Amino acid sequence: MYERVFGTDWRTISDEEAIRRMYALGVSSALGHPNRGEFERIRRQAGTAYGRSVLQLAFEEGKQRVARNESEYDSKQDVWEALVDEETSPSTAGRADVTMQKPTDKQGIPKAVGRASVLDGGDDDFSRIRLPEFLRRG
């Protein structure tokens, strides 16, 4: 499955293409067609542990999408065609209600992980050294 759509005759690939391919490998693996050699080859393209973990997440996402969507299709080929095509990325494949979360701010960091507003300080420079409102009498 994977070899027919993506091929294995590449020397280097971009980070985005590596993520797409790892996602497709996850789908293929979950459908009973693992390709361990290609998995390791793509993983070696990542220069950092962070890059390898992102690739691993894309692979796992492909496997999870199959588990969630397999019952909706008649054959493994139908699942493959629904989840993987030339424009496949983990955020565009599968059912519409199972898409990945989009970043919520300009930096691409979800609000839950972003900087806490309490760290931004108050309205003026002296607000940091004044007593908090709840400790004042009056």
N, C-alpha and C. Protein backbone atom coordinates (compact mmCIF):
# COMPACT_ATOMS: atom_id res chain seq x y z
N MET A 1 0.81 -1.19 0.00
CA MET A 1 0.00 0.00 0.00
C MET A 1 0.86 1.26 0.00
N TYR A 2 1.72 1.37 0.99
CA TYR A 2 2.55 2.56 1.14
C TYR A 2 3.46 2.75 -0.07
N GLU A 3 4.10 1.67 -0.52
CA GLU A 3 5.07 1.77 -1.61
C GLU A 3 4.42 2.26 -2.90
N ARG A 4 3.18 1.85 -3.16
CA ARG A 4 2.50 2.26 -4.39
C ARG A 4 2.22 3.76 -4.43
N VAL A 5 1.87 4.33 -3.30
CA VAL A 5 1.51 5.76 -3.26
C VAL A 5 2.74 6.64 -3.10
N PHE A 6 3.64 6.28 -2.20
CA PHE A 6 4.75 7.16 -1.86
C PHE A 6 6.08 6.77 -2.49
N GLY A 7 6.30 5.49 -2.74
CA GLY A 7 7.60 5.07 -3.25
C GLY A 7 8.66 5.11 -2.17
N THR A 8 9.77 4.45 -2.43
CA THR A 8 10.85 4.41 -1.44
C THR A 8 12.19 4.81 -2.05
N ASP A 9 12.16 5.48 -3.18
CA ASP A 9 13.41 5.81 -3.88
C ASP A 9 13.88 7.24 -3.63
N TRP A 10 13.71 7.72 -2.42
CA TRP A 10 14.13 9.07 -2.07
C TRP A 10 15.47 9.04 -1.35
N ARG A 11 16.19 10.16 -1.42
CA ARG A 11 17.47 10.28 -0.70
C ARG A 11 17.30 11.14 0.54
N THR A 12 16.71 12.29 0.38
CA THR A 12 16.37 13.15 1.52
C THR A 12 14.96 13.67 1.30
N ILE A 13 14.28 13.97 2.39
CA ILE A 13 12.92 14.51 2.32
C ILE A 13 12.77 15.63 3.33
N SER A 14 11.82 16.50 3.07
CA SER A 14 11.57 17.62 3.99
C SER A 14 10.92 17.10 5.27
N ASP A 15 10.92 17.93 6.28
CA ASP A 15 10.28 17.56 7.55
C ASP A 15 8.80 17.29 7.36
N GLU A 16 8.14 18.14 6.57
CA GLU A 16 6.71 17.98 6.33
C GLU A 16 6.42 16.66 5.59
N GLU A 17 7.24 16.36 4.61
CA GLU A 17 7.06 15.11 3.87
C GLU A 17 7.33 13.90 4.77
N ALA A 18 8.30 14.02 5.67
CA ALA A 18 8.59 12.93 6.60
C ALA A 18 7.38 12.67 7.50
N ILE A 19 6.73 13.72 7.95
CA ILE A 19 5.54 13.57 8.79
C ILE A 19 4.42 12.91 8.00
N ARG A 20 4.20 13.35 6.77
CA ARG A 20 3.17 12.75 5.91
C ARG A 20 3.44 11.26 5.72
N ARG A 21 4.68 10.93 5.45
CA ARG A 21 5.04 9.53 5.21
C ARG A 21 4.90 8.68 6.47
N MET A 22 5.27 9.23 7.61
CA MET A 22 5.13 8.47 8.86
C MET A 22 3.66 8.23 9.18
N TYR A 23 2.82 9.22 8.93
CA TYR A 23 1.38 9.05 9.12
C TYR A 23 0.88 7.91 8.23
N ALA A 24 1.28 7.94 6.96
CA ALA A 24 0.86 6.89 6.02
C ALA A 24 1.40 5.53 6.44
N LEU A 25 2.62 5.49 6.95
CA LEU A 25 3.18 4.23 7.45
C LEU A 25 2.37 3.71 8.63
N GLY A 26 1.91 4.60 9.49
CA GLY A 26 1.06 4.19 10.61
C GLY A 26 -0.24 3.58 10.14
N VAL A 27 -0.85 4.20 9.14
CA VAL A 27 -2.09 3.67 8.56
C VAL A 27 -1.82 2.30 7.95
N SER A 28 -0.76 2.21 7.16
CA SER A 28 -0.40 0.95 6.50
C SER A 28 -0.11 -0.15 7.51
N SER A 29 0.60 0.19 8.55
CA SER A 29 0.94 -0.78 9.59
C SER A 29 -0.32 -1.29 10.29
N ALA A 30 -1.24 -0.39 10.60
CA ALA A 30 -2.48 -0.79 11.27
C ALA A 30 -3.35 -1.66 10.38
N LEU A 31 -3.18 -1.52 9.07
CA LEU A 31 -3.95 -2.33 8.12
C LEU A 31 -3.26 -3.65 7.79
N GLY A 32 -2.15 -3.93 8.46
CA GLY A 32 -1.47 -5.21 8.28
C GLY A 32 -0.35 -5.22 7.26
N HIS A 33 0.13 -4.04 6.87
CA HIS A 33 1.22 -3.95 5.90
C HIS A 33 2.36 -3.10 6.47
N PRO A 34 3.02 -3.56 7.53
CA PRO A 34 4.10 -2.75 8.11
C PRO A 34 5.31 -2.69 7.19
N ASN A 35 6.07 -1.62 7.31
CA ASN A 35 7.29 -1.45 6.54
C ASN A 35 8.35 -0.89 7.49
N ARG A 36 8.93 -1.77 8.28
CA ARG A 36 9.88 -1.37 9.32
C ARG A 36 11.11 -0.67 8.75
N GLY A 37 11.57 -1.12 7.60
CA GLY A 37 12.75 -0.51 6.99
C GLY A 37 12.52 0.95 6.64
N GLU A 38 11.39 1.25 6.04
CA GLU A 38 11.06 2.64 5.68
C GLU A 38 10.83 3.47 6.94
N PHE A 39 10.22 2.87 7.95
CA PHE A 39 10.00 3.55 9.23
C PHE A 39 11.34 4.02 9.80
N GLU A 40 12.30 3.12 9.88
CA GLU A 40 13.62 3.47 10.44
C GLU A 40 14.35 4.46 9.55
N ARG A 41 14.22 4.32 8.26
CA ARG A 41 14.89 5.22 7.32
C ARG A 41 14.37 6.66 7.48
N ILE A 42 13.08 6.81 7.60
CA ILE A 42 12.51 8.15 7.79
C ILE A 42 12.89 8.70 9.16
N ARG A 43 12.86 7.84 10.15
CA ARG A 43 13.23 8.27 11.51
C ARG A 43 14.66 8.80 11.57
N ARG A 44 15.55 8.20 10.80
CA ARG A 44 16.94 8.65 10.77
C ARG A 44 17.08 10.04 10.15
N GLN A 45 16.09 10.48 9.39
CA GLN A 45 16.13 11.82 8.79
C GLN A 45 16.02 12.92 9.84
N ALA A 46 15.41 12.60 10.97
CA ALA A 46 15.26 13.60 12.04
C ALA A 46 16.59 13.78 12.75
N GLY A 47 17.00 15.02 12.90
CA GLY A 47 18.29 15.29 13.51
C GLY A 47 18.27 15.39 15.02
N THR A 48 17.07 15.50 15.61
CA THR A 48 16.98 15.68 17.05
C THR A 48 15.99 14.69 17.65
N ALA A 49 16.05 14.55 18.96
CA ALA A 49 15.09 13.68 19.65
C ALA A 49 13.68 14.24 19.50
N TYR A 50 13.55 15.55 19.50
CA TYR A 50 12.24 16.17 19.30
C TYR A 50 11.68 15.80 17.92
N GLY A 51 12.51 15.88 16.91
CA GLY A 51 12.07 15.52 15.56
C GLY A 51 11.63 14.07 15.47
N ARG A 52 12.38 13.19 16.13
CA ARG A 52 12.00 11.77 16.13
C ARG A 52 10.68 11.56 16.86
N SER A 53 10.46 12.31 17.93
CA SER A 53 9.20 12.14 18.67
C SER A 53 8.02 12.65 17.85
N VAL A 54 8.20 13.72 17.09
CA VAL A 54 7.13 14.22 16.22
C VAL A 54 6.80 13.18 15.16
N LEU A 55 7.82 12.56 14.59
CA LEU A 55 7.60 11.51 13.59
C LEU A 55 6.88 10.31 14.22
N GLN A 56 7.26 9.96 15.42
CA GLN A 56 6.60 8.85 16.11
C GLN A 56 5.13 9.18 16.37
N LEU A 57 4.85 10.42 16.73
CA LEU A 57 3.46 10.84 16.95
C LEU A 57 2.64 10.75 15.66
N ALA A 58 3.24 11.13 14.54
CA ALA A 58 2.52 11.04 13.26
C ALA A 58 2.21 9.58 12.94
N PHE A 59 3.17 8.69 13.21
CA PHE A 59 2.97 7.26 12.98
C PHE A 59 1.82 6.74 13.85
N GLU A 60 1.84 7.10 15.12
CA GLU A 60 0.79 6.66 16.05
C GLU A 60 -0.57 7.24 15.66
N GLU A 61 -0.58 8.47 15.18
CA GLU A 61 -1.83 9.09 14.74
C GLU A 61 -2.44 8.30 13.58
N GLY A 62 -1.61 7.85 12.65
CA GLY A 62 -2.10 7.03 11.55
C GLY A 62 -2.73 5.74 12.04
N LYS A 63 -2.08 5.10 13.00
CA LYS A 63 -2.63 3.86 13.56
C LYS A 63 -3.95 4.11 14.28
N GLN A 64 -4.02 5.21 15.02
CA GLN A 64 -5.24 5.52 15.76
C GLN A 64 -6.40 5.87 14.83
N ARG A 65 -6.10 6.56 13.74
CA ARG A 65 -7.16 6.89 12.78
C ARG A 65 -7.77 5.63 12.19
N VAL A 66 -6.94 4.63 11.92
CA VAL A 66 -7.47 3.36 11.41
C VAL A 66 -8.38 2.73 12.45
N ALA A 67 -7.93 2.69 13.69
CA ALA A 67 -8.73 2.07 14.75
C ALA A 67 -10.09 2.77 14.90
N ARG A 68 -10.10 4.09 14.77
CA ARG A 68 -11.35 4.84 14.92
C ARG A 68 -12.27 4.73 13.72
N ASN A 69 -11.71 4.62 12.52
CA ASN A 69 -12.50 4.71 11.30
C ASN A 69 -12.70 3.41 10.54
N GLU A 70 -12.01 2.35 10.93
CA GLU A 70 -12.03 1.10 10.16
C GLU A 70 -13.44 0.53 10.00
N SER A 71 -14.26 0.65 11.01
CA SER A 71 -15.61 0.05 10.96
C SER A 71 -16.52 0.75 9.95
N GLU A 72 -16.15 1.94 9.50
CA GLU A 72 -16.97 2.69 8.55
C GLU A 72 -16.79 2.23 7.11
N TYR A 73 -15.81 1.38 6.84
CA TYR A 73 -15.48 0.99 5.47
C TYR A 73 -15.57 -0.52 5.29
N ASP A 74 -15.77 -0.92 4.03
CA ASP A 74 -15.94 -2.34 3.72
C ASP A 74 -14.63 -3.10 3.62
N SER A 75 -13.57 -2.45 3.17
CA SER A 75 -12.30 -3.16 2.98
C SER A 75 -11.13 -2.32 3.47
N LYS A 76 -9.98 -2.96 3.60
CA LYS A 76 -8.77 -2.26 4.02
C LYS A 76 -8.37 -1.22 2.98
N GLN A 77 -8.58 -1.55 1.71
CA GLN A 77 -8.25 -0.62 0.63
C GLN A 77 -9.10 0.65 0.74
N ASP A 78 -10.36 0.50 1.09
CA ASP A 78 -11.23 1.66 1.26
C ASP A 78 -10.76 2.54 2.42
N VAL A 79 -10.32 1.90 3.50
CA VAL A 79 -9.79 2.65 4.65
C VAL A 79 -8.56 3.42 4.21
N TRP A 80 -7.65 2.75 3.51
CA TRP A 80 -6.42 3.38 3.03
C TRP A 80 -6.75 4.59 2.15
N GLU A 81 -7.65 4.41 1.21
CA GLU A 81 -7.99 5.50 0.29
C GLU A 81 -8.65 6.67 1.02
N ALA A 82 -9.41 6.38 2.05
CA ALA A 82 -10.07 7.44 2.81
C ALA A 82 -9.09 8.22 3.68
N LEU A 83 -8.09 7.54 4.21
CA LEU A 83 -7.17 8.19 5.15
C LEU A 83 -5.88 8.68 4.52
N VAL A 84 -5.50 8.13 3.37
CA VAL A 84 -4.21 8.48 2.76
C VAL A 84 -4.43 8.80 1.29
N ASP A 85 -3.94 9.94 0.86
CA ASP A 85 -3.91 10.29 -0.55
C ASP A 85 -2.73 11.22 -0.77
N GLU A 86 -2.61 11.80 -1.94
CA GLU A 86 -1.46 12.65 -2.25
C GLU A 86 -1.37 13.89 -1.35
N GLU A 87 -2.49 14.37 -0.86
CA GLU A 87 -2.51 15.58 -0.04
C GLU A 87 -2.61 15.26 1.45
N THR A 88 -2.34 14.03 1.82
CA THR A 88 -2.56 13.60 3.20
C THR A 88 -1.64 14.30 4.18
N SER A 89 -2.24 14.71 5.26
CA SER A 89 -1.49 15.12 6.44
C SER A 89 -2.36 14.71 7.61
N PRO A 90 -1.79 14.48 8.78
CA PRO A 90 -2.60 14.03 9.90
C PRO A 90 -3.76 14.95 10.23
N SER A 91 -3.66 16.22 9.92
CA SER A 91 -4.74 17.14 10.28
C SER A 91 -5.87 17.14 9.27
N THR A 92 -5.70 16.53 8.09
CA THR A 92 -6.75 16.57 7.08
C THR A 92 -7.38 15.23 6.81
N ALA A 93 -6.88 14.17 7.40
CA ALA A 93 -7.39 12.84 7.09
C ALA A 93 -8.47 12.41 8.07
N GLY A 94 -9.30 11.50 7.63
CA GLY A 94 -10.31 10.93 8.50
C GLY A 94 -11.58 11.74 8.55
N ARG A 95 -12.42 11.43 9.51
CA ARG A 95 -13.71 12.11 9.64
C ARG A 95 -13.50 13.57 10.01
N ALA A 96 -14.46 14.38 9.67
CA ALA A 96 -14.36 15.82 9.93
C ALA A 96 -14.31 16.13 11.42
N ASP A 97 -14.97 15.30 12.25
CA ASP A 97 -15.01 15.58 13.68
C ASP A 97 -13.81 15.03 14.44
N VAL A 98 -12.83 14.47 13.73
CA VAL A 98 -11.67 13.89 14.39
C VAL A 98 -10.39 14.58 13.92
N THR A 99 -10.48 15.84 13.55
CA THR A 99 -9.29 16.54 13.09
C THR A 99 -8.44 16.97 14.28
N MET A 100 -7.16 17.22 14.00
CA MET A 100 -6.25 17.66 15.04
C MET A 100 -6.58 19.10 15.42
N GLN A 101 -6.25 19.48 16.64
CA GLN A 101 -6.49 20.84 17.10
C GLN A 101 -5.59 21.81 16.34
N LYS A 102 -6.11 22.96 16.02
CA LYS A 102 -5.31 23.99 15.37
C LYS A 102 -4.70 24.88 16.45
N PRO A 103 -3.52 25.44 16.19
CA PRO A 103 -2.93 26.36 17.16
C PRO A 103 -3.87 27.54 17.39
N THR A 104 -3.84 28.07 18.60
CA THR A 104 -4.79 29.13 18.95
C THR A 104 -4.16 30.51 19.01
N ASP A 105 -2.87 30.61 18.89
CA ASP A 105 -2.27 31.94 18.92
C ASP A 105 -1.22 32.06 17.82
N LYS A 106 -0.64 33.23 17.70
CA LYS A 106 0.31 33.51 16.62
C LYS A 106 1.55 32.63 16.67
N GLN A 107 1.94 32.18 17.84
CA GLN A 107 3.15 31.39 17.98
C GLN A 107 2.91 29.91 17.74
N GLY A 108 1.68 29.51 17.55
CA GLY A 108 1.38 28.11 17.32
C GLY A 108 1.34 27.29 18.59
N ILE A 109 1.25 27.95 19.73
CA ILE A 109 1.20 27.25 21.01
C ILE A 109 -0.23 27.28 21.52
N PRO A 110 -0.81 26.14 21.86
CA PRO A 110 -2.17 26.16 22.40
C PRO A 110 -2.23 26.98 23.68
N LYS A 111 -3.38 27.59 23.95
CA LYS A 111 -3.51 28.45 25.13
C LYS A 111 -3.20 27.73 26.43
N ALA A 112 -3.53 26.44 26.49
CA ALA A 112 -3.30 25.69 27.72
C ALA A 112 -1.81 25.55 28.03
N VAL A 113 -0.96 25.67 27.02
CA VAL A 113 0.47 25.51 27.21
C VAL A 113 1.19 26.85 27.18
N GLY A 114 0.51 27.88 26.75
CA GLY A 114 1.12 29.20 26.60
C GLY A 114 1.42 29.88 27.91
N ARG A 115 1.88 31.09 27.81
CA ARG A 115 2.25 31.89 28.98
C ARG A 115 1.01 32.26 29.79
N ALA A 116 1.09 32.11 31.10
CA ALA A 116 -0.03 32.45 31.98
C ALA A 116 -0.17 33.96 32.04
N SER A 117 -1.40 34.45 32.01
CA SER A 117 -1.64 35.90 32.01
C SER A 117 -1.16 36.56 33.30
N VAL A 118 -1.10 35.81 34.40
CA VAL A 118 -0.64 36.37 35.66
C VAL A 118 0.84 36.80 35.56
N LEU A 119 1.58 36.23 34.65
CA LEU A 119 2.98 36.58 34.48
C LEU A 119 3.18 37.87 33.69
N ASP A 120 2.14 38.36 33.06
CA ASP A 120 2.25 39.56 32.24
C ASP A 120 2.33 40.84 33.06
N GLY A 121 2.01 40.78 34.33
CA GLY A 121 2.10 41.96 35.18
C GLY A 121 0.84 42.78 35.15
N GLY A 122 0.87 43.88 35.88
CA GLY A 122 -0.32 44.72 36.00
C GLY A 122 -0.34 45.86 35.01
N ASP A 123 -1.17 46.88 35.35
CA ASP A 123 -1.34 48.02 34.47
C ASP A 123 -0.16 49.00 34.55
N ASP A 124 0.44 49.12 35.72
CA ASP A 124 1.56 50.05 35.85
C ASP A 124 2.75 49.33 36.49
N ASP A 125 3.87 50.01 36.53
CA ASP A 125 5.09 49.40 37.06
C ASP A 125 5.04 49.14 38.55
N PHE A 126 4.25 49.92 39.31
CA PHE A 126 4.20 49.78 40.75
C PHE A 126 3.21 48.73 41.22
N SER A 127 2.41 48.22 40.35
CA SER A 127 1.39 47.24 40.76
C SER A 127 2.03 45.97 41.30
N ARG A 128 3.22 45.68 40.91
CA ARG A 128 3.90 44.46 41.38
C ARG A 128 4.32 44.55 42.85
N ILE A 129 4.58 45.77 43.33
CA ILE A 129 5.07 45.91 44.70
C ILE A 129 3.97 46.34 45.68
N ARG A 130 2.79 46.67 45.21
CA ARG A 130 1.67 47.03 46.08
C ARG A 130 1.06 45.78 46.69
N LEU A 131 0.39 45.99 47.83
CA LEU A 131 -0.35 44.89 48.44
C LEU A 131 -1.48 44.47 47.51
N PRO A 132 -1.73 43.19 47.43
CA PRO A 132 -2.87 42.75 46.62
C PRO A 132 -4.16 43.32 47.19
N GLU A 133 -5.15 43.49 46.37
CA GLU A 133 -6.43 44.09 46.75
C GLU A 133 -7.08 43.36 47.92
N PHE A 134 -7.00 42.04 47.95
CA PHE A 134 -7.68 41.27 49.00
C PHE A 134 -6.99 41.40 50.36
N LEU A 135 -5.77 41.93 50.43
CA LEU A 135 -5.07 42.12 51.70
C LEU A 135 -5.23 43.54 52.26
N ARG A 136 -5.78 44.42 51.49
CA ARG A 136 -5.97 45.81 51.94
C ARG A 136 -7.21 45.94 52.80
N ARG A 137 -7.13 46.84 53.80
CA ARG A 137 -8.30 47.13 54.64
C ARG A 137 -9.10 48.24 53.98
N GLY A 138 -10.32 48.15 54.21
CA GLY A 138 -10.99 49.32 53.77
C GLY A 138 -12.22 49.24 53.10
